[in-house]
Amino acid sequence: IDNSIVESFGGGGKTCITARVYPKLAVGNDARLYVFNNGSSAVTLSKLTAWSMRKPSIN
C-alpha cells in the first residue's frame, strides 16, 4: 500500500467511500470539496463535519 487511500464514512457508519488520492497542499481558499453521485437520483448534502489533519508520516 502506498499511502494514497482515503476512506470516508457517512450515514452513521453505514456508508463507506474509498478513494485513491495524490494530494497537493490545499489550505484556506485553495481547499475544495466535490460531491457527486453516479446513480440515478439526486443527492443532497445536508451536513458536513470536517477536521484538520496533521501532515502524514510515511514510513
C-alpha atoms as a PDB file:
ATOM      1  CA  ILE A   1       0.000   0.000   0.000  1.00  0.00           C
ATOM      2  CA  ASP A   2       1.436   3.366  -0.994  1.00  0.00           C
ATOM      3  CA  ASN A   3      -0.499   5.567   1.495  1.00  0.00           C
ATOM      4  CA  SER A   4      -2.752   7.065  -1.211  1.00  0.00           C
ATOM      5  CA  ILE A   5      -6.039   5.639   0.157  1.00  0.00           C
ATOM      6  CA  VAL A   6      -8.642   7.820   1.891  1.00  0.00           C
ATOM      7  CA  GLU A   7     -11.809   6.347   3.397  1.00  0.00           C
ATOM      8  CA  SER A   8     -14.841   8.496   4.241  1.00  0.00           C
ATOM      9  CA  PHE A   9     -17.753   7.237   6.317  1.00  0.00           C
ATOM     10  CA  GLY A  10     -21.332   8.515   6.330  1.00  0.00           C
ATOM     11  CA  GLY A  11     -24.853   7.510   7.248  1.00  0.00           C
ATOM     12  CA  GLY A  12     -23.887   6.680  10.813  1.00  0.00           C
ATOM     13  CA  GLY A  13     -21.094   4.430   9.564  1.00  0.00           C
ATOM     14  CA  LYS A  14     -23.365   2.544   7.137  1.00  0.00           C
ATOM     15  CA  THR A  15     -21.725   4.020   4.032  1.00  0.00           C
ATOM     16  CA  CYS A  16     -18.050   3.989   3.159  1.00  0.00           C
ATOM     17  CA  ILE A  17     -16.354   5.758   0.253  1.00  0.00           C
ATOM     18  CA  THR A  18     -12.813   4.707  -0.611  1.00  0.00           C
ATOM     19  CA  ALA A  19     -10.687   6.744  -2.989  1.00  0.00           C
ATOM     20  CA  ARG A  20      -7.095   6.953  -4.156  1.00  0.00           C
ATOM     21  CA  VAL A  21      -5.721  10.452  -3.806  1.00  0.00           C
ATOM     22  CA  TYR A  22      -2.496  12.157  -4.736  1.00  0.00           C
ATOM     23  CA  PRO A  23      -2.969  15.455  -2.898  1.00  0.00           C
ATOM     24  CA  LYS A  24      -1.346  18.822  -3.311  1.00  0.00           C
ATOM     25  CA  LEU A  25      -1.306  21.285  -0.444  1.00  0.00           C
ATOM     26  CA  ALA A  26      -4.832  22.710  -0.067  1.00  0.00           C
ATOM     27  CA  VAL A  27      -5.058  25.428   2.562  1.00  0.00           C
ATOM     28  CA  GLY A  28      -7.762  28.054   3.116  1.00  0.00           C
ATOM     29  CA  ASN A  29      -9.325  29.195  -0.158  1.00  0.00           C
ATOM     30  CA  ASP A  30      -7.301  26.619  -2.124  1.00  0.00           C
ATOM     31  CA  ALA A  31      -9.217  23.726  -0.492  1.00  0.00           C
ATOM     32  CA  ARG A  32     -12.114  22.206  -2.472  1.00  0.00           C
ATOM     33  CA  LEU A  33     -14.767  19.553  -1.900  1.00  0.00           C
ATOM     34  CA  TYR A  34     -16.706  17.894  -4.692  1.00  0.00           C
ATOM     35  CA  VAL A  35     -19.794  15.765  -4.017  1.00  0.00           C
ATOM     36  CA  PHE A  36     -21.166  13.639  -6.821  1.00  0.00           C
ATOM     37  CA  ASN A  37     -23.393  10.658  -7.449  1.00  0.00           C
ATOM     38  CA  ASN A  38     -23.094   8.199 -10.295  1.00  0.00           C
ATOM     39  CA  GLY A  39     -26.567   6.842  -9.521  1.00  0.00           C
ATOM     40  CA  SER A  40     -29.976   7.735 -10.897  1.00  0.00           C
ATOM     41  CA  SER A  41     -31.290  10.046  -8.161  1.00  0.00           C
ATOM     42  CA  ALA A  42     -30.300  13.422  -6.744  1.00  0.00           C
ATOM     43  CA  VAL A  43     -28.055  13.692  -3.702  1.00  0.00           C
ATOM     44  CA  THR A  44     -28.430  16.370  -1.026  1.00  0.00           C
ATOM     45  CA  LEU A  45     -25.593  17.058   1.367  1.00  0.00           C
ATOM     46  CA  SER A  46     -27.366  18.345   4.474  1.00  0.00           C
ATOM     47  CA  LYS A  47     -24.478  18.279   6.954  1.00  0.00           C
ATOM     48  CA  LEU A  48     -20.710  18.049   6.725  1.00  0.00           C
ATOM     49  CA  THR A  49     -18.243  17.801   9.569  1.00  0.00           C
ATOM     50  CA  ALA A  50     -14.556  18.190   8.720  1.00  0.00           C
ATOM     51  CA  TRP A  51     -11.422  18.046  10.823  1.00  0.00           C
ATOM     52  CA  SER A  52      -7.930  19.371  10.291  1.00  0.00           C
ATOM     53  CA  MET A  53      -5.340  16.643   9.975  1.00  0.00           C
ATOM     54  CA  ARG A  54      -1.637  16.500  10.672  1.00  0.00           C
ATOM     55  CA  LYS A  55       0.777  16.109   7.797  1.00  0.00           C
ATOM     56  CA  PRO A  56       1.035  12.346   7.118  1.00  0.00           C
ATOM     57  CA  SER A  57       4.018  10.376   8.282  1.00  0.00           C
ATOM     58  CA  ILE A  58       5.003   7.892   5.599  1.00  0.00           C
ATOM     59  CA  ASN A  59       7.250   5.049   6.710  1.00  0.00           C
END
